[in-house]
PDB file of N, CA and C in Angstrom:
ATOM      1  N   MET A   1     205.049  88.040  30.907  1.00  0.00           N
ATOM      2  CA  MET A   1     205.772  87.526  29.824  1.00  0.00           C
ATOM      3  C   MET A   1     206.925  87.902  29.086  1.00  0.00           C
ATOM      4  N   GLU A   2     207.171  89.171  28.965  1.00  0.00           N
ATOM      5  CA  GLU A   2     208.141  89.746  28.459  1.00  0.00           C
ATOM      6  C   GLU A   2     209.395  89.653  29.402  1.00  0.00           C
ATOM      7  N   ARG A   3     209.337  90.121  30.690  1.00  0.00           N
ATOM      8  CA  ARG A   3     210.226  89.707  31.544  1.00  0.00           C
ATOM      9  C   ARG A   3     210.744  88.182  31.541  1.00  0.00           C
ATOM     10  N   LEU A   4     210.011  87.238  31.822  1.00  0.00           N
ATOM     11  CA  LEU A   4     210.005  85.856  31.559  1.00  0.00           C
ATOM     12  C   LEU A   4     211.233  85.910  30.620  1.00  0.00           C
ATOM     13  N   LEU A   5     210.552  86.192  28.999  1.00  0.00           N
ATOM     14  CA  LEU A   5     211.338  85.758  28.008  1.00  0.00           C
ATOM     15  C   LEU A   5     212.676  86.440  27.968  1.00  0.00           C
ATOM     16  N   ALA A   6     212.959  87.680  28.647  1.00  0.00           N
ATOM     17  CA  ALA A   6     214.429  88.441  28.690  1.00  0.00           C
ATOM     18  C   ALA A   6     215.173  87.526  29.606  1.00  0.00           C
ATOM     19  N   GLU A   7     214.332  86.947  30.830  1.00  0.00           N
ATOM     20  CA  GLU A   7     215.277  86.409  31.605  1.00  0.00           C
ATOM     21  C   GLU A   7     215.930  85.151  30.951  1.00  0.00           C
ATOM     22  N   ARG A   8     215.021  84.129  30.357  1.00  0.00           N
ATOM     23  CA  ARG A   8     215.211  82.997  29.520  1.00  0.00           C
ATOM     24  C   ARG A   8     216.339  83.395  28.943  1.00  0.00           C
ATOM     25  N   ARG A   9     216.393  84.485  27.857  1.00  0.00           N
ATOM     26  CA  ARG A   9     217.441  84.674  26.898  1.00  0.00           C
ATOM     27  C   ARG A   9     218.683  84.926  27.590  1.00  0.00           C
ATOM     28  N   THR A  10     218.888  85.356  28.599  1.00  0.00           N
ATOM     29  CA  THR A  10     220.323  85.773  29.525  1.00  0.00           C
ATOM     30  C   THR A  10     220.791  84.467  30.287  1.00  0.00           C
ATOM     31  N   THR A  11     219.776  83.492  30.602  1.00  0.00           N
ATOM     32  CA  THR A  11     220.534  82.179  31.441  1.00  0.00           C
ATOM     33  C   THR A  11     220.299  81.052  30.677  1.00  0.00           C
ATOM     34  N   CYS A  12     219.934  81.129  29.684  1.00  0.00           N
ATOM     35  CA  CYS A  12     220.043  79.898  28.807  1.00  0.00           C
ATOM     36  C   CYS A  12     220.554  80.417  27.496  1.00  0.00           C
ATOM     37  N   ASP A  13     222.042  80.868  27.608  1.00  0.00           N
ATOM     38  CA  ASP A  13     222.485  80.912  26.156  1.00  0.00           C
ATOM     39  C   ASP A  13     222.921  80.353  25.377  1.00  0.00           C
ATOM     40  N   ASP A  14     222.494  78.819  25.456  1.00  0.00           N
ATOM     41  CA  ASP A  14     222.211  77.817  24.352  1.00  0.00           C
ATOM     42  C   ASP A  14     221.219  77.715  23.532  1.00  0.00           C
ATOM     43  N   ILE A  15     220.185  78.660  23.839  1.00  0.00           N
ATOM     44  CA  ILE A  15     218.883  78.135  23.457  1.00  0.00           C
ATOM     45  C   ILE A  15     218.613  79.378  22.737  1.00  0.00           C
ATOM     46  N   ILE A  16     217.613  79.249  21.562  1.00  0.00           N
ATOM     47  CA  ILE A  16     217.035  80.793  21.094  1.00  0.00           C
ATOM     48  C   ILE A  16     215.368  80.689  21.246  1.00  0.00           C
ATOM     49  N   PHE A  17     215.424  81.896  21.905  1.00  0.00           N
ATOM     50  CA  PHE A  17     213.829  82.069  22.331  1.00  0.00           C
ATOM     51  C   PHE A  17     213.534  82.994  21.403  1.00  0.00           C
ATOM     52  N   LEU A  18     212.118  82.727  20.285  1.00  0.00           N
ATOM     53  CA  LEU A  18     211.561  83.591  19.547  1.00  0.00           C
ATOM     54  C   LEU A  18     209.976  84.084  20.091  1.00  0.00           C
ATOM     55  N   SER A  19     209.611  85.146  20.118  1.00  0.00           N
ATOM     56  CA  SER A  19     208.533  85.428  20.523  1.00  0.00           C
ATOM     57  C   SER A  19     207.708  85.790  19.166  1.00  0.00           C
ATOM     58  N   PHE A  20     206.393  85.018  19.103  1.00  0.00           N
ATOM     59  CA  PHE A  20     205.715  85.320  17.744  1.00  0.00           C
ATOM     60  C   PHE A  20     204.064  85.819  18.371  1.00  0.00           C
ATOM     61  N   PRO A  21     203.626  86.978  17.772  1.00  0.00           N
ATOM     62  CA  PRO A  21     204.525  88.427  17.394  1.00  0.00           C
ATOM     63  C   PRO A  21     205.358  88.660  18.461  1.00  0.00           C
ATOM     64  N   GLY A  22     206.249  89.834  18.433  1.00  0.00           N
ATOM     65  CA  GLY A  22     207.241  90.365  19.075  1.00  0.00           C
ATOM     66  C   GLY A  22     208.656  90.745  18.792  1.00  0.00           C
ATOM     67  N   ASP A  23     209.032  89.598  18.308  1.00  0.00           N
ATOM     68  CA  ASP A  23     210.661  90.039  18.073  1.00  0.00           C
ATOM     69  C   ASP A  23     211.160  90.073  16.427  1.00  0.00           C
ATOM     70  N   GLU A  24     209.623  90.640  15.479  1.00  0.00           N
ATOM     71  CA  GLU A  24     209.822  90.895  14.118  1.00  0.00           C
ATOM     72  C   GLU A  24     210.718  92.063  14.111  1.00  0.00           C
ATOM     73  N   LYS A  25     210.745  93.260  14.692  1.00  0.00           N
ATOM     74  CA  LYS A  25     211.481  94.327  14.647  1.00  0.00           C
ATOM     75  C   LYS A  25     213.098  94.030  14.769  1.00  0.00           C
ATOM     76  N   ALA A  26     213.047  93.386  15.976  1.00  0.00           N
ATOM     77  CA  ALA A  26     214.542  92.946  15.851  1.00  0.00           C
ATOM     78  C   ALA A  26     215.452  92.345  15.246  1.00  0.00           C
ATOM     79  N   LEU A  27     214.649  91.225  14.478  1.00  0.00           N
ATOM     80  CA  LEU A  27     214.939  90.415  13.722  1.00  0.00           C
ATOM     81  C   LEU A  27     214.837  90.690  12.041  1.00  0.00           C
ATOM     82  N   GLY A  28     214.611  92.130  11.942  1.00  0.00           N
ATOM     83  CA  GLY A  28     214.380  92.446  10.230  1.00  0.00           C
ATOM     84  C   GLY A  28     213.170  91.949   9.843  1.00  0.00           C
ATOM     85  N   GLY A  29     212.145  91.397  10.348  1.00  0.00           N
ATOM     86  CA  GLY A  29     211.037  91.346  10.308  1.00  0.00           C
ATOM     87  C   GLY A  29     210.787  89.855  10.504  1.00  0.00           C
ATOM     88  N   CYS A  30     209.626  89.104   9.987  1.00  0.00           N
ATOM     89  CA  CYS A  30     209.391  87.634  10.147  1.00  0.00           C
ATOM     90  C   CYS A  30     210.096  86.837   9.644  1.00  0.00           C
ATOM     91  N   LEU A  31     210.154  85.702  10.412  1.00  0.00           N
ATOM     92  CA  LEU A  31     211.234  84.858  10.032  1.00  0.00           C
ATOM     93  C   LEU A  31     210.663  83.626   9.070  1.00  0.00           C
ATOM     94  N   ALA A  32     209.264  84.021   8.660  1.00  0.00           N
ATOM     95  CA  ALA A  32     208.775  82.992   7.794  1.00  0.00           C
ATOM     96  C   ALA A  32     208.955  82.765   6.495  1.00  0.00           C
ATOM     97  N   SER A  33     208.343  82.167   5.514  1.00  0.00           N
ATOM     98  CA  SER A  33     208.727  81.946   4.448  1.00  0.00           C
ATOM     99  C   SER A  33     210.215  81.251   3.792  1.00  0.00           C
ATOM    100  N   GLY A  34     210.807  80.481   4.991  1.00  0.00           N
ATOM    101  CA  GLY A  34     211.801  80.027   4.670  1.00  0.00           C
ATOM    102  C   GLY A  34     213.002  80.906   4.980  1.00  0.00           C
ATOM    103  N   ARG A  35     212.668  82.282   5.535  1.00  0.00           N
ATOM    104  CA  ARG A  35     213.817  82.955   6.288  1.00  0.00           C
ATOM    105  C   ARG A  35     214.331  82.394   7.491  1.00  0.00           C
ATOM    106  N   GLY A  36     213.526  81.536   7.926  1.00  0.00           N
ATOM    107  CA  GLY A  36     213.968  81.250   9.338  1.00  0.00           C
ATOM    108  C   GLY A  36     213.300  79.624   9.435  1.00  0.00           C
ATOM    109  N   PHE A  37     211.909  79.700   8.970  1.00  0.00           N
ATOM    110  CA  PHE A  37     211.051  78.500   8.975  1.00  0.00           C
ATOM    111  C   PHE A  37     209.918  78.805   8.238  1.00  0.00           C
ATOM    112  N   PHE A  38     209.543  77.272   7.772  1.00  0.00           N
ATOM    113  CA  PHE A  38     207.825  77.364   7.223  1.00  0.00           C
ATOM    114  C   PHE A  38     207.092  76.488   7.779  1.00  0.00           C
ATOM    115  N   HIS A  39     206.091  76.208   7.553  1.00  0.00           N
ATOM    116  CA  HIS A  39     205.191  75.468   7.765  1.00  0.00           C
ATOM    117  C   HIS A  39     205.137  74.374   6.816  1.00  0.00           C
ATOM    118  N   ILE A  40     204.605  72.964   7.226  1.00  0.00           N
ATOM    119  CA  ILE A  40     204.091  71.763   6.299  1.00  0.00           C
ATOM    120  C   ILE A  40     203.242  71.483   6.900  1.00  0.00           C
ATOM    121  N   GLY A  41     201.726  71.556   5.740  1.00  0.00           N
ATOM    122  CA  GLY A  41     200.480  71.240   6.032  1.00  0.00           C
ATOM    123  C   GLY A  41     200.478  69.740   6.210  1.00  0.00           C
ATOM    124  N   PRO A  42     199.353  69.137   6.772  1.00  0.00           N
ATOM    125  CA  PRO A  42     198.966  67.526   6.594  1.00  0.00           C
ATOM    126  C   PRO A  42     199.443  66.757   5.285  1.00  0.00           C
ATOM    127  N   ASP A  43     198.926  67.605   4.402  1.00  0.00           N
ATOM    128  CA  ASP A  43     198.772  66.886   2.981  1.00  0.00           C
ATOM    129  C   ASP A  43     200.328  67.288   2.643  1.00  0.00           C
ATOM    130  N   GLY A  44     201.242  68.114   3.162  1.00  0.00           N
ATOM    131  CA  GLY A  44     202.439  68.275   2.681  1.00  0.00           C
ATOM    132  C   GLY A  44     202.563  69.916   1.812  1.00  0.00           C
ATOM    133  N   SER A  45     201.409  70.438   1.970  1.00  0.00           N
ATOM    134  CA  SER A  45     201.480  71.621   1.325  1.00  0.00           C
ATOM    135  C   SER A  45     202.644  72.840   2.243  1.00  0.00           C
ATOM    136  N   ALA A  46     203.552  73.366   1.482  1.00  0.00           N
ATOM    137  CA  ALA A  46     204.584  74.020   2.312  1.00  0.00           C
ATOM    138  C   ALA A  46     203.824  75.671   2.156  1.00  0.00           C
ATOM    139  N   GLU A  47     203.517  76.010   3.514  1.00  0.00           N
ATOM    140  CA  GLU A  47     202.861  77.532   3.952  1.00  0.00           C
ATOM    141  C   GLU A  47     204.101  78.302   4.525  1.00  0.00           C
ATOM    142  N   PRO A  48     203.845  79.552   4.178  1.00  0.00           N
ATOM    143  CA  PRO A  48     205.062  80.290   4.739  1.00  0.00           C
ATOM    144  C   PRO A  48     204.991  80.327   6.259  1.00  0.00           C
ATOM    145  N   CYS A  49     203.747  79.941   7.033  1.00  0.00           N
ATOM    146  CA  CYS A  49     204.057  80.053   8.747  1.00  0.00           C
ATOM    147  C   CYS A  49     202.679  79.196   9.077  1.00  0.00           C
ATOM    148  N   PRO A  50     202.563  78.274  10.256  1.00  0.00           N
ATOM    149  CA  PRO A  50     201.504  78.035  10.666  1.00  0.00           C
ATOM    150  C   PRO A  50     200.020  78.841  10.767  1.00  0.00           C
ATOM    151  N   PHE A  51     200.472  80.145  10.616  1.00  0.00           N
ATOM    152  CA  PHE A  51     199.301  81.209  10.952  1.00  0.00           C
ATOM    153  C   PHE A  51     198.858  81.776   9.773  1.00  0.00           C
ATOM    154  N   SER A  52     199.886  81.456   8.536  1.00  0.00           N
ATOM    155  CA  SER A  52     199.848  82.152   6.997  1.00  0.00           C
ATOM    156  C   SER A  52     198.926  80.829   6.270  1.00  0.00           C
ATOM    157  N   PRO A  53     197.966  80.434   5.799  1.00  0.00           N
ATOM    158  CA  PRO A  53     197.684  79.232   5.087  1.00  0.00           C
ATOM    159  C   PRO A  53     197.577  79.415   3.661  1.00  0.00           C
ATOM    160  N   PHE A  54     198.371  79.863   2.902  1.00  0.00           N
ATOM    161  CA  PHE A  54     198.871  80.001   1.596  1.00  0.00           C
ATOM    162  C   PHE A  54     199.740  79.122   1.285  1.00  0.00           C
ATOM    163  N   SER A  55     199.591  78.611   0.140  1.00  0.00           N
ATOM    164  CA  SER A  55     200.606  77.722  -0.413  1.00  0.00           C
ATOM    165  C   SER A  55     200.458  77.636  -2.074  1.00  0.00           C
ATOM    166  N   ASP A  56     201.814  77.437  -2.585  1.00  0.00           N
ATOM    167  CA  ASP A  56     201.626  77.089  -3.975  1.00  0.00           C
ATOM    168  C   ASP A  56     202.918  76.076  -4.570  1.00  0.00           C
ATOM    169  N   SER A  57     203.040  75.159  -3.223  1.00  0.00           N
ATOM    170  CA  SER A  57     203.942  74.096  -3.275  1.00  0.00           C
ATOM    171  C   SER A  57     203.704  73.212  -2.567  1.00  0.00           C
ATOM    172  N   ASN A  58     204.179  71.945  -2.855  1.00  0.00           N
ATOM    173  CA  ASN A  58     204.060  70.509  -1.697  1.00  0.00           C
ATOM    174  C   ASN A  58     205.571  69.936  -1.768  1.00  0.00           C
ATOM    175  N   VAL A  59     205.757  69.579  -0.439  1.00  0.00           N
ATOM    176  CA  VAL A  59     207.027  68.816  -0.213  1.00  0.00           C
ATOM    177  C   VAL A  59     207.322  67.655  -0.761  1.00  0.00           C
ATOM    178  N   VAL A  60     205.833  66.919  -0.737  1.00  0.00           N
ATOM    179  CA  VAL A  60     205.739  65.612  -1.323  1.00  0.00           C
ATOM    180  C   VAL A  60     206.319  65.556  -2.744  1.00  0.00           C
ATOM    181  N   SER A  61     205.803  66.711  -3.737  1.00  0.00           N
ATOM    182  CA  SER A  61     206.076  66.696  -4.835  1.00  0.00           C
ATOM    183  C   SER A  61     207.711  67.235  -5.329  1.00  0.00           C
ATOM    184  N   MET A  62     208.012  68.615  -4.353  1.00  0.00           N
ATOM    185  CA  MET A  62     209.204  69.233  -5.112  1.00  0.00           C
ATOM    186  C   MET A  62     210.122  68.944  -3.937  1.00  0.00           C
ATOM    187  N   GLY A  63     209.640  68.606  -2.664  1.00  0.00           N
ATOM    188  CA  GLY A  63     210.991  68.249  -1.789  1.00  0.00           C
ATOM    189  C   GLY A  63     210.885  69.821  -1.072  1.00  0.00           C
ATOM    190  N   VAL A  64     211.759  69.765   0.194  1.00  0.00           N
ATOM    191  CA  VAL A  64     211.914  70.827   0.835  1.00  0.00           C
ATOM    192  C   VAL A  64     212.790  71.916   0.034  1.00  0.00           C
ATOM    193  N   ARG A  65     213.818  72.091  -0.396  1.00  0.00           N
ATOM    194  CA  ARG A  65     214.542  72.802  -1.225  1.00  0.00           C
ATOM    195  C   ARG A  65     213.658  73.316  -2.215  1.00  0.00           C
ATOM    196  N   GLY A  66     212.817  72.484  -2.889  1.00  0.00           N
ATOM    197  CA  GLY A  66     212.172  72.953  -3.967  1.00  0.00           C
ATOM    198  C   GLY A  66     210.726  74.061  -3.805  1.00  0.00           C
ATOM    199  N   ALA A  67     210.224  73.401  -2.567  1.00  0.00           N
ATOM    200  CA  ALA A  67     209.111  74.064  -1.741  1.00  0.00           C
ATOM    201  C   ALA A  67     209.811  75.662  -1.309  1.00  0.00           C
ATOM    202  N   LEU A  68     210.908  75.191  -0.680  1.00  0.00           N
ATOM    203  CA  LEU A  68     211.579  76.958  -0.050  1.00  0.00           C
ATOM    204  C   LEU A  68     211.869  77.853  -1.311  1.00  0.00           C
ATOM    205  N   GLN A  69     212.016  77.288  -2.613  1.00  0.00           N
ATOM    206  CA  GLN A  69     212.157  78.189  -3.761  1.00  0.00           C
ATOM    207  C   GLN A  69     210.807  78.625  -4.687  1.00  0.00           C
ATOM    208  N   SER A  70     210.101  78.118  -4.015  1.00  0.00           N
ATOM    209  CA  SER A  70     208.630  78.063  -4.760  1.00  0.00           C
ATOM    210  C   SER A  70     208.231  79.783  -5.087  1.00  0.00           C
ATOM    211  N   PRO A  71     207.484  80.006  -6.177  1.00  0.00           N
ATOM    212  CA  PRO A  71     207.420  81.501  -6.532  1.00  0.00           C
ATOM    213  C   PRO A  71     206.839  82.337  -5.315  1.00  0.00           C
ATOM    214  N   LEU A  72     205.924  81.513  -4.840  1.00  0.00           N
ATOM    215  CA  LEU A  72     205.266  82.704  -3.533  1.00  0.00           C
ATOM    216  C   LEU A  72     206.077  82.737  -2.707  1.00  0.00           C
ATOM    217  N   PHE A  73     207.140  81.527  -2.047  1.00  0.00           N
ATOM    218  CA  PHE A  73     208.168  82.085  -1.115  1.00  0.00           C
ATOM    219  C   PHE A  73     209.289  83.497  -1.782  1.00  0.00           C
ATOM    220  N   ARG A  74     209.486  82.934  -2.652  1.00  0.00           N
ATOM    221  CA  ARG A  74     210.531  83.906  -3.525  1.00  0.00           C
ATOM    222  C   ARG A  74     209.764  85.203  -3.663  1.00  0.00           C
ATOM    223  N   LYS A  75     208.171  85.504  -3.925  1.00  0.00           N
ATOM    224  CA  LYS A  75     207.738  86.407  -4.093  1.00  0.00           C
ATOM    225  C   LYS A  75     207.709  87.336  -2.571  1.00  0.00           C
ATOM    226  N   ILE A  76     207.337  86.875  -2.275  1.00  0.00           N
ATOM    227  CA  ILE A  76     207.205  87.141  -0.237  1.00  0.00           C
ATOM    228  C   ILE A  76     208.312  87.939   0.341  1.00  0.00           C
ATOM    229  N   ARG A  77     209.556  87.081  -0.003  1.00  0.00           N
ATOM    230  CA  ARG A  77     210.875  87.596   0.352  1.00  0.00           C
ATOM    231  C   ARG A  77     211.346  88.862  -0.642  1.00  0.00           C
ATOM    232  N   ALA A  78     211.177  88.725  -2.202  1.00  0.00           N
ATOM    233  CA  ALA A  78     211.635  89.639  -2.646  1.00  0.00           C
ATOM    234  C   ALA A  78     210.516  90.967  -2.423  1.00  0.00           C
ATOM    235  N   ALA A  79     209.328  90.822  -1.897  1.00  0.00           N
ATOM    236  CA  ALA A  79     208.496  92.021  -1.702  1.00  0.00           C
ATOM    237  C   ALA A  79     208.831  92.832  -0.102  1.00  0.00           C
ATOM    238  N   HIS A  80     209.945  92.054   0.619  1.00  0.00           N
ATOM    239  CA  HIS A  80     209.966  92.480   1.702  1.00  0.00           C
ATOM    240  C   HIS A  80     208.795  92.184   2.811  1.00  0.00           C
ATOM    241  N   ALA A  81     207.614  91.380   2.254  1.00  0.00           N
ATOM    242  CA  ALA A  81     206.746  91.101   2.955  1.00  0.00           C
ATOM    243  C   ALA A  81     206.401  91.024   4.376  1.00  0.00           C
ATOM    244  N   LEU A  82     207.571  90.002   4.636  1.00  0.00           N
ATOM    245  CA  LEU A  82     208.093  89.669   6.119  1.00  0.00           C
ATOM    246  C   LEU A  82     208.330  90.920   7.011  1.00  0.00           C
ATOM    247  N   GLY A  83     208.586  91.902   6.434  1.00  0.00           N
ATOM    248  CA  GLY A  83     208.492  93.381   7.301  1.00  0.00           C
ATOM    249  C   GLY A  83     207.447  94.155   7.295  1.00  0.00           C
ATOM    250  N   TRP A  84     206.611  93.990   6.501  1.00  0.00           N
ATOM    251  CA  TRP A  84     205.170  94.801   6.133  1.00  0.00           C
ATOM    252  C   TRP A  84     204.742  95.319   7.831  1.00  0.00           C
ATOM    253  N   GLU A  85     204.188  96.402   7.856  1.00  0.00           N
ATOM    254  CA  GLU A  85     203.540  96.999   9.237  1.00  0.00           C
ATOM    255  C   GLU A  85     202.384  95.969   9.463  1.00  0.00           C
ATOM    256  N   HIS A  86     202.080  95.592  10.704  1.00  0.00           N
ATOM    257  CA  HIS A  86     200.758  95.339  10.998  1.00  0.00           C
ATOM    258  C   HIS A  86     200.428  95.311  12.586  1.00  0.00           C
ATOM    259  N   THR A  87     199.297  94.927  12.913  1.00  0.00           N
ATOM    260  CA  THR A  87     198.878  95.435  14.064  1.00  0.00           C
ATOM    261  C   THR A  87     198.968  94.382  15.292  1.00  0.00           C
ATOM    262  N   GLY A  88     199.762  93.243  14.742  1.00  0.00           N
ATOM    263  CA  GLY A  88     199.740  92.105  15.628  1.00  0.00           C
ATOM    264  C   GLY A  88     199.336  90.490  15.142  1.00  0.00           C
ATOM    265  N   GLY A  89     199.681  89.535  15.372  1.00  0.00           N
ATOM    266  CA  GLY A  89     199.414  88.473  14.849  1.00  0.00           C
ATOM    267  C   GLY A  89     200.488  88.087  13.509  1.00  0.00           C
ATOM    268  N   CYS A  90     199.797  87.568  12.416  1.00  0.00           N
ATOM    269  CA  CYS A  90     200.647  87.227  11.453  1.00  0.00           C
ATOM    270  C   CYS A  90     200.629  88.160  10.427  1.00  0.00           C
ATOM    271  N   THR A  91     201.745  89.025  10.111  1.00  0.00           N
ATOM    272  CA  THR A  91     202.037  89.519   9.131  1.00  0.00           C
ATOM    273  C   THR A  91     201.510  89.369   7.698  1.00  0.00           C
ATOM    274  N   LEU A  92     201.584  88.142   7.093  1.00  0.00           N
ATOM    275  CA  LEU A  92     201.278  87.826   6.187  1.00  0.00           C
ATOM    276  C   LEU A  92     199.645  87.558   6.038  1.00  0.00           C
ATOM    277  N   PHE A  93     199.013  86.925   7.272  1.00  0.00           N
ATOM    278  CA  PHE A  93     197.580  86.758   7.400  1.00  0.00           C
ATOM    279  C   PHE A  93     196.812  88.045   7.385  1.00  0.00           C
ATOM    280  N   GLU A  94     197.568  89.181   8.047  1.00  0.00           N
ATOM    281  CA  GLU A  94     196.950  90.435   7.991  1.00  0.00           C
ATOM    282  C   GLU A  94     197.021  90.799   6.626  1.00  0.00           C
ATOM    283  N   HIS A  95     197.612  90.871   5.714  1.00  0.00           N
ATOM    284  CA  HIS A  95     197.863  91.295   4.426  1.00  0.00           C
ATOM    285  C   HIS A  95     197.561  89.992   3.215  1.00  0.00           C
ATOM    286  N   ARG A  96     196.543  89.383   3.805  1.00  0.00           N
ATOM    287  CA  ARG A  96     196.338  88.134   2.903  1.00  0.00           C
ATOM    288  C   ARG A  96     195.768  88.222   1.371  1.00  0.00           C
ATOM    289  N   GLU A  97     195.078  89.852   1.226  1.00  0.00           N
ATOM    290  CA  GLU A  97     194.700  89.920  -0.057  1.00  0.00           C
ATOM    291  C   GLU A  97     195.960  90.198  -0.720  1.00  0.00           C
ATOM    292  N   GLU A  98     196.948  90.840  -0.556  1.00  0.00           N
ATOM    293  CA  GLU A  98     198.349  90.935  -1.433  1.00  0.00           C
ATOM    294  C   GLU A  98     199.027  89.668  -1.356  1.00  0.00           C
ATOM    295  N   ILE A  99     198.886  88.705  -0.317  1.00  0.00           N
ATOM    296  CA  ILE A  99     199.179  87.243  -0.371  1.00  0.00           C
ATOM    297  C   ILE A  99     198.560  86.640  -1.466  1.00  0.00           C
ATOM    298  N   GLU A 100     197.579  86.396  -1.779  1.00  0.00           N
ATOM    299  CA  GLU A 100     196.616  86.001  -2.959  1.00  0.00           C
ATOM    300  C   GLU A 100     196.969  86.016  -3.911  1.00  0.00           C
ATOM    301  N   GLN A 101     197.184  87.642  -4.063  1.00  0.00           N
ATOM    302  CA  GLN A 101     197.517  88.147  -5.374  1.00  0.00           C
ATOM    303  C   GLN A 101     198.875  87.700  -5.781  1.00  0.00           C
ATOM    304  N   MET A 102     199.472  87.215  -4.719  1.00  0.00           N
ATOM    305  CA  MET A 102     200.936  86.828  -5.239  1.00  0.00           C
ATOM    306  C   MET A 102     200.939  85.318  -5.863  1.00  0.00           C
ATOM    307  N   ILE A 103     200.077  84.614  -5.206  1.00  0.00           N
ATOM    308  CA  ILE A 103     199.669  83.306  -5.451  1.00  0.00           C
ATOM    309  C   ILE A 103     198.812  83.206  -6.869  1.00  0.00           C
ATOM    310  N   GLN A 104     197.986  84.092  -7.524  1.00  0.00           N
ATOM    311  CA  GLN A 104     197.001  83.879  -8.825  1.00  0.00           C
ATOM    312  C   GLN A 104     198.036  84.676  -9.868  1.00  0.00           C
ATOM    313  N   ASN A 105     199.223  85.435  -9.286  1.00  0.00           N
ATOM    314  CA  ASN A 105     199.557  85.951 -10.579  1.00  0.00           C
ATOM    315  C   ASN A 105     201.234  85.544 -10.480  1.00  0.00           C
ATOM    316  N   PRO A 106     201.302  84.093 -11.170  1.00  0.00           N
ATOM    317  CA  PRO A 106     202.805  83.172 -10.870  1.00  0.00           C
ATOM    318  C   PRO A 106     203.513  84.207 -11.736  1.00  0.00           C
TER     319      PRO A 106
END
């Protein structure tokens, strides 16, 4: 897979290929929480990423810009949580206790 990804990156210079997990170190941490992307749940909940089911905002009531500036997203970015050490998979879900504390303590 790594070889194929490297090949695609060199032959398709008009497309950005990201590997999740895998590219976090090269990108200075995960791109979640509005640093590059975020996930909108079926009910409109704004979640840091599809693999991290935490939310304190909703795009239906706040809009996209409001959701990106939610207390949870701001705290995740300020704590540099997107660069936390992890063993694979979603960094935020692996540190779910810390993220849940960010939601409980606005």
